[in-house]
Amino acid sequence: MNAWFDELISPRKEYSVPPTNKGRQTEAAFLDAARRCFADKGYLNTKISDIAEAAGRSTGSFYNYYDNKDQLLEALLDQFSDEVVEGSLATRHSDPEAGVRAAVTAYWTTYKKYLPEIIGLFQMSMLDDEFRDRWHANRASGIKQVLAGLHSAERAGYDVGLPLEPLASALVNTLESSCWSWLAVRGGVVGSIPDDDTAIDILTTIWFRTVYRSAPRIRR
């Protein structure tokens, strides 16, 4: 089940790599400052001048690395996608439940880490066609990989018992919507919001019981 993260990264816009260590440090300072500003002010309320001030750099130097704030957000979202994939692939498991848990844990923890950027992406997807397309491409890629995992489960002898394409979409929706509701929105949720361990347990159990509810058929 880890495989569905492998192609989560959508096609990206290429950025020039700063040619010097100082340049790389400056770019890293802008990225770190942007994350802090987005967390404090929100993406839409953050100005480039806010990011430059938090980075201890001039506003003019910002444009040596990014054309605008949206491009910087895209760079941070690339980091999010990279970390999800790396976190998922860091632990391969032959046991299906352990594999599901590793994948869910990687997505949950990275989603939480990049929550301000995720909120920014959601906000911009309502305003900008390119960000909307990125949101949709990420989801489509996730669904494609979950579907590959479901086919793999059936080949291993598990009787999923549900149509695989809508099930793949439903599983991605469950993971994504739960992260959004419990980490980003936090309001309008009936009952208490689960802590990290409980949330991961719940999502892992939903996913595992849905897909691996039957013992694998013995091949003769």
Protein backbone atom coordinates (compact mmCIF):
# COMPACT_ATOMS: atom_id res chain seq x y z
CA MET A 1 0.00 0.00 0.00
CA ASN A 2 3.00 2.32 0.17
CA ALA A 3 3.08 2.39 -3.62
CA TRP A 4 0.28 4.92 -4.00
CA PHE A 5 2.60 7.66 -2.71
CA ASP A 6 5.26 6.98 -5.35
CA GLU A 7 3.74 9.30 -7.95
CA LEU A 8 2.06 11.78 -5.63
CA ILE A 9 4.31 14.55 -6.90
CA SER A 10 2.62 16.44 -9.71
CA PRO A 11 4.53 17.90 -12.68
CA ARG A 12 6.54 20.82 -11.37
CA LYS A 13 7.79 24.12 -12.53
CA GLU A 14 11.56 24.12 -12.67
CA TYR A 15 13.41 26.63 -10.53
CA SER A 16 17.00 27.70 -11.08
CA VAL A 17 19.38 26.44 -8.38
CA PRO A 18 21.31 29.25 -6.69
CA PRO A 19 24.94 28.86 -7.82
CA THR A 20 26.61 29.45 -4.46
CA ASN A 21 26.29 28.19 -0.91
CA LYS A 22 25.33 31.70 0.14
CA GLY A 23 22.60 31.72 -2.48
CA ARG A 24 21.26 28.38 -1.30
CA GLN A 25 21.29 29.61 2.28
CA THR A 26 19.39 32.73 1.26
CA GLU A 27 16.77 30.72 -0.59
CA ALA A 28 16.43 28.38 2.39
CA ALA A 29 15.97 31.42 4.62
CA PHE A 30 13.13 32.66 2.41
CA LEU A 31 11.45 29.24 2.49
CA ASP A 32 11.75 28.97 6.26
CA ALA A 33 10.53 32.54 6.74
CA ALA A 34 7.58 31.93 4.43
CA ARG A 35 6.54 28.88 6.43
CA ARG A 36 6.61 30.91 9.65
CA CYS A 37 4.70 33.79 8.09
CA PHE A 38 2.06 31.51 6.57
CA ALA A 39 1.58 29.85 9.95
CA ASP A 40 1.31 33.20 11.73
CA LYS A 41 -0.63 35.36 9.24
CA GLY A 42 -2.09 32.86 6.78
CA TYR A 43 -1.06 32.57 3.18
CA LEU A 44 -3.41 35.17 1.73
CA ASN A 45 -2.50 37.79 4.35
CA THR A 46 1.25 37.33 4.05
CA LYS A 47 3.13 39.87 1.94
CA ILE A 48 6.47 39.41 0.25
CA SER A 49 7.81 42.17 2.46
CA ASP A 50 6.74 40.12 5.51
CA ILE A 51 8.68 37.12 4.23
CA ALA A 52 11.76 39.20 3.46
CA GLU A 53 11.70 40.82 6.89
CA ALA A 54 11.32 37.45 8.63
CA ALA A 55 14.21 36.09 6.55
CA GLY A 56 16.42 39.08 7.40
CA ARG A 57 16.80 39.88 3.70
CA SER A 58 15.73 42.70 1.44
CA THR A 59 12.50 42.53 -0.51
CA GLY A 60 14.51 43.05 -3.70
CA SER A 61 16.60 39.94 -3.07
CA PHE A 62 13.42 37.84 -2.89
CA TYR A 63 12.97 38.27 -6.64
CA ASN A 64 16.37 36.71 -7.30
CA TYR A 65 14.76 33.41 -6.32
CA TYR A 66 11.02 33.67 -6.94
CA ASP A 67 8.86 35.69 -9.27
CA ASN A 68 6.06 35.95 -6.73
CA LYS A 69 4.61 34.49 -3.55
CA ASP A 70 2.67 31.83 -5.45
CA GLN A 71 5.87 30.38 -6.90
CA LEU A 72 7.36 30.16 -3.42
CA LEU A 73 4.26 28.31 -2.21
CA GLU A 74 4.71 25.85 -5.07
CA ALA A 75 8.29 25.21 -3.94
CA LEU A 76 7.09 24.48 -0.41
CA LEU A 77 4.39 22.15 -1.72
CA ASP A 78 7.09 20.30 -3.65
CA GLN A 79 8.89 19.80 -0.33
CA PHE A 80 5.65 18.47 1.17
CA SER A 81 5.25 15.93 -1.65
CA ASP A 82 8.89 14.87 -1.40
CA GLU A 83 8.64 14.30 2.35
CA VAL A 84 5.43 12.27 2.05
CA VAL A 85 7.05 9.98 -0.49
CA GLU A 86 10.31 9.68 1.46
CA GLY A 87 8.47 9.01 4.71
CA SER A 88 6.33 6.33 3.12
CA LEU A 89 9.19 4.59 1.32
CA ALA A 90 11.53 4.70 4.31
CA THR A 91 9.85 1.64 5.81
CA ARG A 92 8.80 -1.18 3.50
CA HIS A 93 6.64 -3.87 5.04
CA SER A 94 5.61 -7.32 3.89
CA ASP A 95 2.78 -7.21 6.44
CA PRO A 96 -0.20 -5.37 4.87
CA GLU A 97 -1.35 -3.68 8.08
CA ALA A 98 2.14 -2.37 8.81
CA GLY A 99 2.36 -1.06 5.26
CA VAL A 100 -0.96 0.76 5.54
CA ARG A 101 0.07 2.24 8.89
CA ALA A 102 3.40 3.46 7.49
CA ALA A 103 1.66 5.14 4.57
CA VAL A 104 -1.02 6.77 6.74
CA THR A 105 1.57 7.91 9.29
CA ALA A 106 3.75 9.47 6.59
CA TYR A 107 0.81 11.40 5.13
CA TRP A 108 -0.62 12.52 8.49
CA THR A 109 2.65 13.74 9.99
CA THR A 110 3.76 15.55 6.84
CA TYR A 111 0.32 17.08 6.32
CA LYS A 112 0.47 18.42 9.87
CA LYS A 113 3.98 19.79 9.36
CA TYR A 114 2.97 21.60 6.17
CA LEU A 115 -0.49 22.61 7.32
CA PRO A 116 -0.08 26.35 6.52
CA GLU A 117 0.99 25.46 2.97
CA ILE A 118 -1.90 23.03 2.56
CA ILE A 119 -4.33 25.72 3.66
CA GLY A 120 -2.68 28.10 1.21
CA LEU A 121 -3.08 25.56 -1.60
CA PHE A 122 -6.74 25.08 -0.73
CA GLN A 123 -7.35 28.83 -0.66
CA MET A 124 -5.54 29.39 -3.95
CA SER A 125 -7.34 26.48 -5.61
CA MET A 126 -10.51 28.53 -5.16
CA LEU A 127 -8.94 31.56 -6.85
CA ASP A 128 -6.42 30.33 -9.40
CA ASP A 129 -6.80 27.74 -12.15
CA GLU A 130 -3.19 26.54 -11.92
CA PHE A 131 -3.47 25.83 -8.20
CA ARG A 132 -6.84 24.16 -8.75
CA ASP A 133 -5.27 21.95 -11.40
CA ARG A 134 -2.41 21.10 -9.04
CA TRP A 135 -4.87 20.14 -6.30
CA HIS A 136 -6.76 17.90 -8.72
CA ALA A 137 -3.56 16.39 -10.16
CA ASN A 138 -2.31 15.48 -6.68
CA ARG A 139 -5.59 13.80 -5.84
CA ALA A 140 -5.75 11.97 -9.18
CA SER A 141 -2.21 10.69 -8.70
CA GLY A 142 -3.02 9.48 -5.19
CA ILE A 143 -6.16 7.69 -6.40
CA LYS A 144 -4.18 6.06 -9.21
CA GLN A 145 -1.63 4.68 -6.76
CA VAL A 146 -4.26 3.47 -4.30
CA LEU A 147 -5.95 1.69 -7.19
CA ALA A 148 -2.65 -0.01 -8.03
CA GLY A 149 -2.42 -1.13 -4.38
CA LEU A 150 -5.96 -2.54 -4.51
CA HIS A 151 -5.16 -4.54 -7.63
CA SER A 152 -2.04 -5.80 -5.86
CA ALA A 153 -4.13 -6.90 -2.88
CA GLU A 154 -6.48 -8.84 -5.16
CA ARG A 155 -3.55 -10.50 -6.90
CA ALA A 156 -2.29 -11.56 -3.46
CA GLY A 157 -5.59 -13.35 -2.93
CA TYR A 158 -7.60 -10.84 -0.88
CA ASP A 159 -11.25 -10.52 -1.84
CA VAL A 160 -11.84 -6.78 -1.58
CA GLY A 161 -15.47 -7.25 -2.59
CA LEU A 162 -16.04 -3.70 -3.82
CA PRO A 163 -15.55 -1.95 -7.18
CA LEU A 164 -11.93 -0.86 -7.07
CA GLU A 165 -11.97 2.52 -8.82
CA PRO A 166 -14.62 4.19 -6.61
CA LEU A 167 -13.10 2.48 -3.57
CA ALA A 168 -9.69 4.02 -4.35
CA SER A 169 -11.34 7.44 -4.62
CA ALA A 170 -13.22 6.90 -1.34
CA LEU A 171 -10.04 5.88 0.54
CA VAL A 172 -8.15 8.96 -0.66
CA ASN A 173 -11.15 11.14 0.21
CA THR A 174 -11.28 9.64 3.71
CA LEU A 175 -7.59 10.27 4.37
CA GLU A 176 -7.53 13.75 2.87
CA SER A 177 -10.83 14.91 4.38
CA SER A 178 -9.96 13.57 7.83
CA CYS A 179 -6.63 15.41 7.79
CA TRP A 180 -8.37 18.58 6.67
CA SER A 181 -11.18 18.35 9.25
CA TRP A 182 -9.03 17.34 12.22
CA LEU A 183 -5.93 19.43 11.51
CA ALA A 184 -7.04 22.46 9.50
CA VAL A 185 -10.70 23.18 10.20
CA ARG A 186 -10.97 21.83 13.76
CA GLY A 187 -14.40 23.42 14.11
CA GLY A 188 -17.79 21.84 13.53
CA VAL A 189 -16.46 18.40 14.42
CA VAL A 190 -18.83 16.33 16.54
CA GLY A 191 -17.05 15.16 19.68
CA SER A 192 -13.39 15.54 20.47
CA ILE A 193 -10.66 15.84 17.85
CA PRO A 194 -8.35 12.81 18.08
CA ASP A 195 -4.69 13.17 18.92
CA ASP A 196 -2.08 12.08 16.38
CA ASP A 197 -1.79 8.45 17.49
CA THR A 198 -5.56 7.98 17.68
CA ALA A 199 -6.12 9.59 14.29
CA ILE A 200 -3.51 7.34 12.69
CA ASP A 201 -5.04 4.29 14.39
CA ILE A 202 -8.52 5.18 13.12
CA LEU A 203 -7.45 5.85 9.54
CA THR A 204 -5.25 2.75 9.43
CA THR A 205 -8.06 0.58 10.77
CA ILE A 206 -10.61 1.94 8.27
CA TRP A 207 -8.23 1.37 5.37
CA PHE A 208 -6.95 -2.05 6.48
CA ARG A 209 -10.34 -3.53 7.39
CA THR A 210 -11.87 -2.31 4.15
CA VAL A 211 -9.20 -3.81 1.91
CA TYR A 212 -7.88 -6.78 3.89
CA ARG A 213 -11.02 -7.89 5.71
CA SER A 214 -10.79 -11.42 4.28
CA ALA A 215 -7.95 -13.88 4.55
CA PRO A 216 -6.09 -14.29 1.27
CA ARG A 217 -7.26 -17.18 -0.89
CA ILE A 218 -4.80 -20.05 -1.07
CA ARG A 219 -3.55 -20.48 -4.60
CA ARG A 220 -3.38 -24.09 -5.75
